[in-house]
PDB file of N, CA and C in Angstrom:
ATOM      1  N   MET A   1      26.815 -76.683   9.475  1.00  0.00           N
ATOM      2  CA  MET A   1      25.906 -75.683   9.931  1.00  0.00           C
ATOM      3  C   MET A   1      24.626 -76.369  10.398  1.00  0.00           C
ATOM      4  N   LYS A   2      24.140 -75.963  11.566  1.00  0.00           N
ATOM      5  CA  LYS A   2      22.893 -76.498  12.094  1.00  0.00           C
ATOM      6  C   LYS A   2      21.797 -75.463  11.906  1.00  0.00           C
ATOM      7  N   SER A   3      20.674 -75.900  11.437  1.00  0.00           N
ATOM      8  CA  SER A   3      19.520 -75.027  11.287  1.00  0.00           C
ATOM      9  C   SER A   3      18.448 -75.468  12.264  1.00  0.00           C
ATOM     10  N   PRO A   4      17.655 -74.528  12.765  1.00  0.00           N
ATOM     11  CA  PRO A   4      16.581 -74.926  13.680  1.00  0.00           C
ATOM     12  C   PRO A   4      15.498 -75.698  12.923  1.00  0.00           C
ATOM     13  N   ASN A   5      14.742 -76.466  13.665  1.00  0.00           N
ATOM     14  CA  ASN A   5      13.617 -77.181  13.067  1.00  0.00           C
ATOM     15  C   ASN A   5      12.600 -76.167  12.550  1.00  0.00           C
ATOM     16  N   PRO A   6      11.892 -76.498  11.474  1.00  0.00           N
ATOM     17  CA  PRO A   6      10.872 -75.591  10.960  1.00  0.00           C
ATOM     18  C   PRO A   6       9.760 -75.376  11.987  1.00  0.00           C
ATOM     19  N   LEU A   7       9.136 -74.211  11.931  1.00  0.00           N
ATOM     20  CA  LEU A   7       7.987 -73.962  12.788  1.00  0.00           C
ATOM     21  C   LEU A   7       6.839 -74.848  12.330  1.00  0.00           C
ATOM     22  N   LYS A   8       6.012 -75.241  13.281  1.00  0.00           N
ATOM     23  CA  LYS A   8       4.856 -76.066  12.957  1.00  0.00           C
ATOM     24  C   LYS A   8       3.675 -75.541  13.770  1.00  0.00           C
ATOM     25  N   PRO A   9       2.458 -75.893  13.392  1.00  0.00           N
ATOM     26  CA  PRO A   9       1.303 -75.442  14.168  1.00  0.00           C
ATOM     27  C   PRO A   9       1.506 -75.741  15.652  1.00  0.00           C
ATOM     28  N   GLY A  10       1.193 -74.752  16.472  1.00  0.00           N
ATOM     29  CA  GLY A  10       1.404 -74.870  17.914  1.00  0.00           C
ATOM     30  C   GLY A  10       2.671 -74.170  18.371  1.00  0.00           C
ATOM     31  N   SER A  11       3.578 -73.858  17.424  1.00  0.00           N
ATOM     32  CA  SER A  11       4.802 -73.136  17.770  1.00  0.00           C
ATOM     33  C   SER A  11       4.452 -71.718  18.199  1.00  0.00           C
ATOM     34  N   LYS A  12       5.272 -71.159  19.079  1.00  0.00           N
ATOM     35  CA  LYS A  12       5.086 -69.777  19.522  1.00  0.00           C
ATOM     36  C   LYS A  12       5.898 -68.840  18.644  1.00  0.00           C
ATOM     37  N   ILE A  13       5.282 -67.728  18.270  1.00  0.00           N
ATOM     38  CA  ILE A  13       5.963 -66.678  17.523  1.00  0.00           C
ATOM     39  C   ILE A  13       5.772 -65.389  18.315  1.00  0.00           C
ATOM     40  N   ALA A  14       6.863 -64.773  18.723  1.00  0.00           N
ATOM     41  CA  ALA A  14       6.789 -63.503  19.451  1.00  0.00           C
ATOM     42  C   ALA A  14       7.039 -62.359  18.477  1.00  0.00           C
ATOM     43  N   VAL A  15       6.176 -61.357  18.543  1.00  0.00           N
ATOM     44  CA  VAL A  15       6.293 -60.186  17.686  1.00  0.00           C
ATOM     45  C   VAL A  15       6.471 -58.986  18.595  1.00  0.00           C
ATOM     46  N   THR A  16       7.549 -58.241  18.405  1.00  0.00           N
ATOM     47  CA  THR A  16       7.814 -57.100  19.266  1.00  0.00           C
ATOM     48  C   THR A  16       8.372 -55.944  18.453  1.00  0.00           C
ATOM     49  N   ALA A  17       8.468 -54.806  19.088  1.00  0.00           N
ATOM     50  CA  ALA A  17       9.044 -53.623  18.452  1.00  0.00           C
ATOM     51  C   ALA A  17       9.896 -52.924  19.506  1.00  0.00           C
ATOM     52  N   PHE A  18      11.154 -53.270  19.550  1.00  0.00           N
ATOM     53  CA  PHE A  18      12.026 -52.675  20.563  1.00  0.00           C
ATOM     54  C   PHE A  18      12.625 -51.365  20.085  1.00  0.00           C
ATOM     55  N   SER A  19      12.407 -51.032  18.833  1.00  0.00           N
ATOM     56  CA  SER A  19      12.862 -49.753  18.292  1.00  0.00           C
ATOM     57  C   SER A  19      11.628 -48.868  18.140  1.00  0.00           C
ATOM     58  N   SER A  20      11.174 -48.622  16.935  1.00  0.00           N
ATOM     59  CA  SER A  20       9.953 -47.829  16.783  1.00  0.00           C
ATOM     60  C   SER A  20       8.755 -48.762  16.741  1.00  0.00           C
ATOM     61  N   GLY A  21       7.672 -48.338  17.370  1.00  0.00           N
ATOM     62  CA  GLY A  21       6.466 -49.151  17.405  1.00  0.00           C
ATOM     63  C   GLY A  21       5.680 -49.037  16.106  1.00  0.00           C
ATOM     64  N   VAL A  22       4.653 -49.852  15.992  1.00  0.00           N
ATOM     65  CA  VAL A  22       3.788 -49.828  14.815  1.00  0.00           C
ATOM     66  C   VAL A  22       2.771 -48.698  15.007  1.00  0.00           C
ATOM     67  N   PRO A  23       2.750 -47.719  14.104  1.00  0.00           N
ATOM     68  CA  PRO A  23       1.813 -46.603  14.263  1.00  0.00           C
ATOM     69  C   PRO A  23       0.366 -47.059  14.085  1.00  0.00           C
ATOM     70  N   LYS A  24      -0.561 -46.311  14.697  1.00  0.00           N
ATOM     71  CA  LYS A  24      -1.987 -46.669  14.637  1.00  0.00           C
ATOM     72  C   LYS A  24      -2.481 -46.848  13.215  1.00  0.00           C
ATOM     73  N   SER A  25      -1.939 -46.087  12.284  1.00  0.00           N
ATOM     74  CA  SER A  25      -2.395 -46.183  10.896  1.00  0.00           C
ATOM     75  C   SER A  25      -2.117 -47.559  10.287  1.00  0.00           C
ATOM     76  N   LEU A  26      -1.225 -48.338  10.895  1.00  0.00           N
ATOM     77  CA  LEU A  26      -0.882 -49.667  10.384  1.00  0.00           C
ATOM     78  C   LEU A  26      -1.390 -50.807  11.270  1.00  0.00           C
ATOM     79  N   HIS A  27      -2.148 -50.483  12.330  1.00  0.00           N
ATOM     80  CA  HIS A  27      -2.648 -51.529  13.230  1.00  0.00           C
ATOM     81  C   HIS A  27      -3.573 -52.498  12.511  1.00  0.00           C
ATOM     82  N   GLU A  28      -4.388 -51.997  11.579  1.00  0.00           N
ATOM     83  CA  GLU A  28      -5.289 -52.887  10.847  1.00  0.00           C
ATOM     84  C   GLU A  28      -4.490 -53.921  10.056  1.00  0.00           C
ATOM     85  N   ARG A  29      -3.426 -53.477   9.427  1.00  0.00           N
ATOM     86  CA  ARG A  29      -2.568 -54.398   8.657  1.00  0.00           C
ATOM     87  C   ARG A  29      -1.870 -55.387   9.592  1.00  0.00           C
ATOM     88  N   LEU A  30      -1.391 -54.894  10.726  1.00  0.00           N
ATOM     89  CA  LEU A  30      -0.756 -55.755  11.728  1.00  0.00           C
ATOM     90  C   LEU A  30      -1.733 -56.823  12.203  1.00  0.00           C
ATOM     91  N   ASP A  31      -2.990 -56.433  12.443  1.00  0.00           N
ATOM     92  CA  ASP A  31      -4.005 -57.386  12.879  1.00  0.00           C
ATOM     93  C   ASP A  31      -4.236 -58.473  11.834  1.00  0.00           C
ATOM     94  N   ILE A  32      -4.196 -58.100  10.558  1.00  0.00           N
ATOM     95  CA  ILE A  32      -4.365 -59.080   9.482  1.00  0.00           C
ATOM     96  C   ILE A  32      -3.232 -60.105   9.515  1.00  0.00           C
ATOM     97  N   VAL A  33      -2.003 -59.620   9.662  1.00  0.00           N
ATOM     98  CA  VAL A  33      -0.839 -60.520   9.679  1.00  0.00           C
ATOM     99  C   VAL A  33      -0.876 -61.434  10.895  1.00  0.00           C
ATOM    100  N   ILE A  34      -1.144 -60.865  12.065  1.00  0.00           N
ATOM    101  CA  ILE A  34      -1.196 -61.679  13.283  1.00  0.00           C
ATOM    102  C   ILE A  34      -2.350 -62.670  13.200  1.00  0.00           C
ATOM    103  N   GLY A  35      -3.488 -62.231  12.651  1.00  0.00           N
ATOM    104  CA  GLY A  35      -4.626 -63.135  12.473  1.00  0.00           C
ATOM    105  C   GLY A  35      -4.289 -64.298  11.561  1.00  0.00           C
ATOM    106  N   HIS A  36      -3.529 -64.021  10.505  1.00  0.00           N
ATOM    107  CA  HIS A  36      -3.114 -65.085   9.590  1.00  0.00           C
ATOM    108  C   HIS A  36      -2.208 -66.097  10.307  1.00  0.00           C
ATOM    109  N   LEU A  37      -1.269 -65.601  11.083  1.00  0.00           N
ATOM    110  CA  LEU A  37      -0.391 -66.507  11.829  1.00  0.00           C
ATOM    111  C   LEU A  37      -1.207 -67.381  12.774  1.00  0.00           C
ATOM    112  N   ARG A  38      -2.168 -66.777  13.475  1.00  0.00           N
ATOM    113  CA  ARG A  38      -3.007 -67.541  14.410  1.00  0.00           C
ATOM    114  C   ARG A  38      -3.871 -68.559  13.675  1.00  0.00           C
ATOM    115  N   SER A  39      -4.435 -68.154  12.538  1.00  0.00           N
ATOM    116  CA  SER A  39      -5.279 -69.092  11.788  1.00  0.00           C
ATOM    117  C   SER A  39      -4.453 -70.225  11.174  1.00  0.00           C
ATOM    118  N   SER A  40      -3.144 -70.011  11.078  1.00  0.00           N
ATOM    119  CA  SER A  40      -2.247 -71.062  10.593  1.00  0.00           C
ATOM    120  C   SER A  40      -1.821 -71.998  11.718  1.00  0.00           C
ATOM    121  N   GLY A  41      -2.326 -71.731  12.935  1.00  0.00           N
ATOM    122  CA  GLY A  41      -2.066 -72.629  14.056  1.00  0.00           C
ATOM    123  C   GLY A  41      -0.946 -72.205  14.985  1.00  0.00           C
ATOM    124  N   PHE A  42      -0.382 -71.027  14.779  1.00  0.00           N
ATOM    125  CA  PHE A  42       0.709 -70.565  15.642  1.00  0.00           C
ATOM    126  C   PHE A  42       0.152 -69.807  16.840  1.00  0.00           C
ATOM    127  N   GLU A  43       0.876 -69.894  17.946  1.00  0.00           N
ATOM    128  CA  GLU A  43       0.563 -69.085  19.118  1.00  0.00           C
ATOM    129  C   GLU A  43       1.372 -67.800  18.986  1.00  0.00           C
ATOM    130  N   VAL A  44       0.693 -66.666  18.922  1.00  0.00           N
ATOM    131  CA  VAL A  44       1.369 -65.391  18.714  1.00  0.00           C
ATOM    132  C   VAL A  44       1.381 -64.603  20.017  1.00  0.00           C
ATOM    133  N   LEU A  45       2.564 -64.207  20.428  1.00  0.00           N
ATOM    134  CA  LEU A  45       2.737 -63.374  21.618  1.00  0.00           C
ATOM    135  C   LEU A  45       3.104 -61.970  21.154  1.00  0.00           C
ATOM    136  N   GLU A  46       2.311 -60.993  21.554  1.00  0.00           N
ATOM    137  CA  GLU A  46       2.593 -59.603  21.183  1.00  0.00           C
ATOM    138  C   GLU A  46       3.407 -58.941  22.279  1.00  0.00           C
ATOM    139  N   GLY A  47       4.493 -58.289  21.890  1.00  0.00           N
ATOM    140  CA  GLY A  47       5.301 -57.538  22.836  1.00  0.00           C
ATOM    141  C   GLY A  47       4.532 -56.358  23.391  1.00  0.00           C
ATOM    142  N   LEU A  48       4.859 -55.953  24.603  1.00  0.00           N
ATOM    143  CA  LEU A  48       4.154 -54.856  25.264  1.00  0.00           C
ATOM    144  C   LEU A  48       4.268 -53.536  24.506  1.00  0.00           C
ATOM    145  N   CYS A  49       5.327 -53.356  23.761  1.00  0.00           N
ATOM    146  CA  CYS A  49       5.574 -52.087  23.081  1.00  0.00           C
ATOM    147  C   CYS A  49       5.200 -52.121  21.601  1.00  0.00           C
ATOM    148  N   LEU A  50       4.664 -53.214  21.123  1.00  0.00           N
ATOM    149  CA  LEU A  50       4.426 -53.396  19.693  1.00  0.00           C
ATOM    150  C   LEU A  50       3.552 -52.304  19.092  1.00  0.00           C
ATOM    151  N   ARG A  51       2.482 -51.942  19.755  1.00  0.00           N
ATOM    152  CA  ARG A  51       1.512 -51.013  19.184  1.00  0.00           C
ATOM    153  C   ARG A  51       1.678 -49.584  19.677  1.00  0.00           C
ATOM    154  N   ASP A  52       2.710 -49.319  20.419  1.00  0.00           N
ATOM    155  CA  ASP A  52       2.943 -47.972  20.931  1.00  0.00           C
ATOM    156  C   ASP A  52       3.858 -47.191  20.004  1.00  0.00           C
ATOM    157  N   ASP A  53       3.724 -45.894  20.043  1.00  0.00           N
ATOM    158  CA  ASP A  53       4.609 -45.026  19.273  1.00  0.00           C
ATOM    159  C   ASP A  53       4.822 -43.780  20.114  1.00  0.00           C
ATOM    160  N   HIS A  54       5.928 -43.734  20.821  1.00  0.00           N
ATOM    161  CA  HIS A  54       6.224 -42.663  21.765  1.00  0.00           C
ATOM    162  C   HIS A  54       7.441 -41.894  21.257  1.00  0.00           C
ATOM    163  N   LYS A  55       7.176 -40.779  20.615  1.00  0.00           N
ATOM    164  CA  LYS A  55       8.267 -39.942  20.081  1.00  0.00           C
ATOM    165  C   LYS A  55       9.197 -40.752  19.169  1.00  0.00           C
ATOM    166  N   HIS A  56       8.615 -41.483  18.234  1.00  0.00           N
ATOM    167  CA  HIS A  56       9.332 -42.274  17.222  1.00  0.00           C
ATOM    168  C   HIS A  56      10.058 -43.494  17.772  1.00  0.00           C
ATOM    169  N   VAL A  57       9.746 -43.891  18.986  1.00  0.00           N
ATOM    170  CA  VAL A  57      10.227 -45.173  19.515  1.00  0.00           C
ATOM    171  C   VAL A  57       9.007 -45.917  20.054  1.00  0.00           C
ATOM    172  N   SER A  58       9.144 -47.187  20.304  1.00  0.00           N
ATOM    173  CA  SER A  58       7.999 -47.991  20.716  1.00  0.00           C
ATOM    174  C   SER A  58       7.510 -47.677  22.129  1.00  0.00           C
ATOM    175  N   ALA A  59       8.382 -47.161  22.982  1.00  0.00           N
ATOM    176  CA  ALA A  59       8.017 -46.823  24.362  1.00  0.00           C
ATOM    177  C   ALA A  59       9.237 -46.168  25.009  1.00  0.00           C
ATOM    178  N   PRO A  60       9.049 -45.579  26.185  1.00  0.00           N
ATOM    179  CA  PRO A  60      10.219 -45.055  26.901  1.00  0.00           C
ATOM    180  C   PRO A  60      11.241 -46.173  27.153  1.00  0.00           C
ATOM    181  N   ALA A  61      12.488 -45.805  27.299  1.00  0.00           N
ATOM    182  CA  ALA A  61      13.589 -46.764  27.425  1.00  0.00           C
ATOM    183  C   ALA A  61      13.351 -47.787  28.538  1.00  0.00           C
ATOM    184  N   GLU A  62      12.826 -47.356  29.674  1.00  0.00           N
ATOM    185  CA  GLU A  62      12.615 -48.271  30.799  1.00  0.00           C
ATOM    186  C   GLU A  62      11.623 -49.376  30.418  1.00  0.00           C
ATOM    187  N   ARG A  63      10.558 -48.992  29.728  1.00  0.00           N
ATOM    188  CA  ARG A  63       9.554 -49.990  29.346  1.00  0.00           C
ATOM    189  C   ARG A  63      10.108 -50.933  28.284  1.00  0.00           C
ATOM    190  N   ARG A  64      10.870 -50.410  27.325  1.00  0.00           N
ATOM    191  CA  ARG A  64      11.460 -51.264  26.300  1.00  0.00           C
ATOM    192  C   ARG A  64      12.423 -52.260  26.916  1.00  0.00           C
ATOM    193  N   ALA A  65      13.143 -51.857  27.935  1.00  0.00           N
ATOM    194  CA  ALA A  65      14.115 -52.749  28.579  1.00  0.00           C
ATOM    195  C   ALA A  65      13.411 -53.904  29.303  1.00  0.00           C
ATOM    196  N   GLN A  66      12.196 -53.671  29.769  1.00  0.00           N
ATOM    197  CA  GLN A  66      11.450 -54.741  30.447  1.00  0.00           C
ATOM    198  C   GLN A  66      11.118 -55.835  29.469  1.00  0.00           C
TER     199      GLN A  66
END
């Protein structure tokens, strides 16, 4: 079995929500987690639909597919 190399400072971490998005009530907590990853030296990429909540999904189907 091959395992990927461990992440190290400078590695990119993408965070997305292709199902249900993170509701506004949890954005503060999300910011804390993303801030911690960044302060640990990681490059964090936020998905376009991460912070949206459109009828219990992160965005309309067309936008999620992008």
